[in-house]
């Protein structure tokens, strides 16, 4: 909804002004300005939002997280730094202020969509939430990798 509403408004305004010749708004932008807005907010913003990906890998030495396109490489969370972990339901807006790479009163979160994830309690008193559409599967793979690691 955060992308759909502004994108729809830009497309509607661009169609009104560029195709039907009706000025959009009380202080309309030039046709060039409307074209620039259409490209930026009607095309590039939705493409950018669609390209966001949270990639989580369970490896033998730890959990690896990459939030594409912001991270150029994976962030490693070694198993020995984890005190505990559990599947939980959370409120992205209330607890972390939204989706993405977020910092909230409960710690840091990587989340793209949904309201389920794996909560890690790390040494040093830090908490990390990793959003997942399959948190139980993520925990199962972590447990399996930890058995072979230790």
C-alpha atoms as a PDB file:
ATOM      1  CA  UNK A   1       0.000   0.000   0.000  1.00  0.00           C
ATOM      2  CA  UNK A   2       2.898   2.336   0.739  1.00  0.00           C
ATOM      3  CA  UNK A   3       4.007   2.029  -2.880  1.00  0.00           C
ATOM      4  CA  UNK A   4       0.680   1.374  -4.577  1.00  0.00           C
ATOM      5  CA  UNK A   5      -1.054   4.589  -3.482  1.00  0.00           C
ATOM      6  CA  UNK A   6       1.615   7.120  -4.586  1.00  0.00           C
ATOM      7  CA  UNK A   7       2.314   5.124  -7.758  1.00  0.00           C
ATOM      8  CA  UNK A   8      -1.390   5.106  -8.648  1.00  0.00           C
ATOM      9  CA  UNK A   9      -1.670   8.847  -8.022  1.00  0.00           C
ATOM     10  CA  UNK A  10       1.336   9.598 -10.237  1.00  0.00           C
ATOM     11  CA  UNK A  11      -0.011   7.417 -13.038  1.00  0.00           C
ATOM     12  CA  UNK A  12      -3.475   8.969 -12.763  1.00  0.00           C
ATOM     13  CA  UNK A  13      -2.063  12.503 -12.837  1.00  0.00           C
ATOM     14  CA  UNK A  14       0.245  11.696 -15.743  1.00  0.00           C
ATOM     15  CA  UNK A  15      -2.573  10.181 -17.795  1.00  0.00           C
ATOM     16  CA  UNK A  16      -4.822  13.158 -17.060  1.00  0.00           C
ATOM     17  CA  UNK A  17      -2.210  15.728 -17.995  1.00  0.00           C
ATOM     18  CA  UNK A  18      -0.146  14.048 -20.702  1.00  0.00           C
ATOM     19  CA  UNK A  19      -2.842  12.105 -22.545  1.00  0.00           C
ATOM     20  CA  UNK A  20      -6.082  14.014 -21.910  1.00  0.00           C
ATOM     21  CA  UNK A  21      -4.473  17.463 -21.666  1.00  0.00           C
ATOM     22  CA  UNK A  22      -6.154  18.255 -18.327  1.00  0.00           C
ATOM     23  CA  UNK A  23      -3.936  19.970 -15.774  1.00  0.00           C
ATOM     24  CA  UNK A  24      -3.615  17.824 -12.680  1.00  0.00           C
ATOM     25  CA  UNK A  25      -3.911  19.663  -9.380  1.00  0.00           C
ATOM     26  CA  UNK A  26      -4.320  23.314  -8.432  1.00  0.00           C
ATOM     27  CA  UNK A  27      -0.698  24.171  -9.195  1.00  0.00           C
ATOM     28  CA  UNK A  28       0.145  21.699 -11.983  1.00  0.00           C
ATOM     29  CA  UNK A  29       3.673  20.795 -12.942  1.00  0.00           C
ATOM     30  CA  UNK A  30       4.872  21.156 -16.503  1.00  0.00           C
ATOM     31  CA  UNK A  31       4.528  18.180 -18.818  1.00  0.00           C
ATOM     32  CA  UNK A  32       8.273  17.633 -18.426  1.00  0.00           C
ATOM     33  CA  UNK A  33       7.906  17.667 -14.637  1.00  0.00           C
ATOM     34  CA  UNK A  34       5.021  15.217 -14.788  1.00  0.00           C
ATOM     35  CA  UNK A  35       7.074  12.956 -17.071  1.00  0.00           C
ATOM     36  CA  UNK A  36       9.989  12.999 -14.614  1.00  0.00           C
ATOM     37  CA  UNK A  37       7.630  12.199 -11.712  1.00  0.00           C
ATOM     38  CA  UNK A  38       6.123   9.366 -13.736  1.00  0.00           C
ATOM     39  CA  UNK A  39       9.523   7.818 -14.398  1.00  0.00           C
ATOM     40  CA  UNK A  40      10.753   8.250 -10.811  1.00  0.00           C
ATOM     41  CA  UNK A  41       7.649   7.386  -8.790  1.00  0.00           C
ATOM     42  CA  UNK A  42       5.530   5.535 -11.324  1.00  0.00           C
ATOM     43  CA  UNK A  43       8.189   3.215 -12.710  1.00  0.00           C
ATOM     44  CA  UNK A  44      11.518   3.265 -10.826  1.00  0.00           C
ATOM     45  CA  UNK A  45      10.117   3.261  -7.256  1.00  0.00           C
ATOM     46  CA  UNK A  46       7.903   0.187  -7.816  1.00  0.00           C
ATOM     47  CA  UNK A  47      10.759  -1.612  -9.593  1.00  0.00           C
ATOM     48  CA  UNK A  48      13.120  -0.802  -6.725  1.00  0.00           C
ATOM     49  CA  UNK A  49      10.633  -1.986  -4.103  1.00  0.00           C
ATOM     50  CA  UNK A  50      10.036  -5.173  -6.078  1.00  0.00           C
ATOM     51  CA  UNK A  51      13.802  -5.826  -6.201  1.00  0.00           C
ATOM     52  CA  UNK A  52      14.185  -5.819  -2.395  1.00  0.00           C
ATOM     53  CA  UNK A  53      15.082  -9.278  -1.168  1.00  0.00           C
ATOM     54  CA  UNK A  54      15.983 -10.690   2.201  1.00  0.00           C
ATOM     55  CA  UNK A  55      18.278 -13.666   1.677  1.00  0.00           C
ATOM     56  CA  UNK A  56      18.912 -15.867   4.697  1.00  0.00           C
ATOM     57  CA  UNK A  57      21.341 -18.772   4.519  1.00  0.00           C
ATOM     58  CA  UNK A  58      21.984 -21.388   7.154  1.00  0.00           C
ATOM     59  CA  UNK A  59      25.600 -22.481   6.887  1.00  0.00           C
ATOM     60  CA  UNK A  60      27.793 -24.733   8.996  1.00  0.00           C
ATOM     61  CA  UNK A  61      29.400 -21.831  10.891  1.00  0.00           C
ATOM     62  CA  UNK A  62      26.448 -19.514  11.340  1.00  0.00           C
ATOM     63  CA  UNK A  63      23.453 -17.708   9.983  1.00  0.00           C
ATOM     64  CA  UNK A  64      24.086 -15.399   7.024  1.00  0.00           C
ATOM     65  CA  UNK A  65      21.761 -12.541   6.136  1.00  0.00           C
ATOM     66  CA  UNK A  66      21.820 -10.259   3.104  1.00  0.00           C
ATOM     67  CA  UNK A  67      19.303  -7.505   2.454  1.00  0.00           C
ATOM     68  CA  UNK A  68      19.597  -6.942  -1.280  1.00  0.00           C
ATOM     69  CA  UNK A  69      20.416  -4.347  -2.705  1.00  0.00           C
ATOM     70  CA  UNK A  70      21.653  -2.608   0.484  1.00  0.00           C
ATOM     71  CA  UNK A  71      24.169  -5.231   1.587  1.00  0.00           C
ATOM     72  CA  UNK A  72      26.991  -5.975  -0.822  1.00  0.00           C
ATOM     73  CA  UNK A  73      27.938  -9.047   1.171  1.00  0.00           C
ATOM     74  CA  UNK A  74      26.333 -11.298   3.773  1.00  0.00           C
ATOM     75  CA  UNK A  75      26.245 -10.410   7.460  1.00  0.00           C
ATOM     76  CA  UNK A  76      27.376 -13.413   9.496  1.00  0.00           C
ATOM     77  CA  UNK A  77      25.858 -14.309  12.858  1.00  0.00           C
ATOM     78  CA  UNK A  78      27.950 -17.183  14.260  1.00  0.00           C
ATOM     79  CA  UNK A  79      26.186 -19.852  16.285  1.00  0.00           C
ATOM     80  CA  UNK A  80      28.487 -19.279  19.246  1.00  0.00           C
ATOM     81  CA  UNK A  81      27.168 -15.694  19.517  1.00  0.00           C
ATOM     82  CA  UNK A  82      23.576 -16.927  19.915  1.00  0.00           C
ATOM     83  CA  UNK A  83      22.162 -17.376  23.387  1.00  0.00           C
ATOM     84  CA  UNK A  84      18.700 -18.380  22.190  1.00  0.00           C
ATOM     85  CA  UNK A  85      16.393 -18.291  19.203  1.00  0.00           C
ATOM     86  CA  UNK A  86      12.687 -18.837  18.705  1.00  0.00           C
ATOM     87  CA  UNK A  87       9.917 -18.490  16.151  1.00  0.00           C
ATOM     88  CA  UNK A  88       7.604 -15.610  16.919  1.00  0.00           C
ATOM     89  CA  UNK A  89       4.886 -13.372  15.558  1.00  0.00           C
ATOM     90  CA  UNK A  90       5.683  -9.671  15.687  1.00  0.00           C
ATOM     91  CA  UNK A  91       4.235  -6.331  14.622  1.00  0.00           C
ATOM     92  CA  UNK A  92       6.572  -4.707  12.073  1.00  0.00           C
ATOM     93  CA  UNK A  93       4.989  -1.267  12.462  1.00  0.00           C
ATOM     94  CA  UNK A  94       4.593  -1.220  16.250  1.00  0.00           C
ATOM     95  CA  UNK A  95       7.854  -2.910  17.197  1.00  0.00           C
ATOM     96  CA  UNK A  96      10.217  -1.715  14.478  1.00  0.00           C
ATOM     97  CA  UNK A  97       8.492   1.138  12.663  1.00  0.00           C
ATOM     98  CA  UNK A  98       8.028  -0.764   9.408  1.00  0.00           C
ATOM     99  CA  UNK A  99       9.872  -3.092   7.082  1.00  0.00           C
ATOM    100  CA  UNK A 100      13.460  -3.156   5.895  1.00  0.00           C
ATOM    101  CA  UNK A 101      16.576  -2.943   8.029  1.00  0.00           C
ATOM    102  CA  UNK A 102      15.025  -1.547  11.180  1.00  0.00           C
ATOM    103  CA  UNK A 103      16.048  -0.631  14.686  1.00  0.00           C
ATOM    104  CA  UNK A 104      13.424  -0.655  17.425  1.00  0.00           C
ATOM    105  CA  UNK A 105      13.113  -0.855  21.173  1.00  0.00           C
ATOM    106  CA  UNK A 106      13.393  -4.648  20.892  1.00  0.00           C
ATOM    107  CA  UNK A 107      16.604  -4.565  18.855  1.00  0.00           C
ATOM    108  CA  UNK A 108      17.376  -4.851  15.173  1.00  0.00           C
ATOM    109  CA  UNK A 109      15.204  -6.450  12.491  1.00  0.00           C
ATOM    110  CA  UNK A 110      15.561  -7.547   8.912  1.00  0.00           C
ATOM    111  CA  UNK A 111      12.115  -7.913   7.409  1.00  0.00           C
ATOM    112  CA  UNK A 112      10.508  -7.545   3.998  1.00  0.00           C
ATOM    113  CA  UNK A 113       6.910  -8.605   4.507  1.00  0.00           C
ATOM    114  CA  UNK A 114       4.667 -10.475   6.868  1.00  0.00           C
ATOM    115  CA  UNK A 115       4.674 -10.693  10.640  1.00  0.00           C
ATOM    116  CA  UNK A 116       6.561 -13.896  11.404  1.00  0.00           C
ATOM    117  CA  UNK A 117      10.231 -14.513  11.969  1.00  0.00           C
ATOM    118  CA  UNK A 118      13.004 -15.898  14.133  1.00  0.00           C
ATOM    119  CA  UNK A 119      14.053 -13.882  17.173  1.00  0.00           C
ATOM    120  CA  UNK A 120      17.725 -14.270  18.068  1.00  0.00           C
ATOM    121  CA  UNK A 121      19.098 -13.291  21.444  1.00  0.00           C
ATOM    122  CA  UNK A 122      22.791 -12.576  20.962  1.00  0.00           C
ATOM    123  CA  UNK A 123      25.631 -12.257  23.440  1.00  0.00           C
ATOM    124  CA  UNK A 124      26.179  -8.702  24.580  1.00  0.00           C
ATOM    125  CA  UNK A 125      22.461  -8.176  25.169  1.00  0.00           C
ATOM    126  CA  UNK A 126      21.601  -7.617  21.521  1.00  0.00           C
ATOM    127  CA  UNK A 127      18.460  -8.925  19.841  1.00  0.00           C
ATOM    128  CA  UNK A 128      17.977  -9.607  16.151  1.00  0.00           C
ATOM    129  CA  UNK A 129      14.749 -10.489  14.412  1.00  0.00           C
ATOM    130  CA  UNK A 130      14.928 -12.101  10.981  1.00  0.00           C
ATOM    131  CA  UNK A 131      11.621 -12.027   9.150  1.00  0.00           C
ATOM    132  CA  UNK A 132      10.710 -15.207   7.331  1.00  0.00           C
ATOM    133  CA  UNK A 133       7.739 -16.697   5.560  1.00  0.00           C
ATOM    134  CA  UNK A 134       8.981 -20.093   6.810  1.00  0.00           C
ATOM    135  CA  UNK A 135      10.384 -19.488  10.319  1.00  0.00           C
ATOM    136  CA  UNK A 136       9.862 -23.077  11.536  1.00  0.00           C
ATOM    137  CA  UNK A 137      11.877 -24.382   8.591  1.00  0.00           C
ATOM    138  CA  UNK A 138      14.619 -21.820   9.284  1.00  0.00           C
ATOM    139  CA  UNK A 139      14.855 -22.961  12.915  1.00  0.00           C
ATOM    140  CA  UNK A 140      14.949 -26.631  11.869  1.00  0.00           C
ATOM    141  CA  UNK A 141      17.863 -25.965   9.520  1.00  0.00           C
ATOM    142  CA  UNK A 142      19.650 -23.935  12.204  1.00  0.00           C
ATOM    143  CA  UNK A 143      19.278 -26.772  14.711  1.00  0.00           C
ATOM    144  CA  UNK A 144      20.592 -29.281  12.188  1.00  0.00           C
ATOM    145  CA  UNK A 145      23.594 -27.112  11.299  1.00  0.00           C
ATOM    146  CA  UNK A 146      24.369 -26.429  14.964  1.00  0.00           C
ATOM    147  CA  UNK A 147      24.496 -30.182  15.721  1.00  0.00           C
ATOM    148  CA  UNK A 148      27.156 -30.724  13.058  1.00  0.00           C
ATOM    149  CA  UNK A 149      29.004 -27.540  14.000  1.00  0.00           C
ATOM    150  CA  UNK A 150      29.485 -28.315  17.690  1.00  0.00           C
END
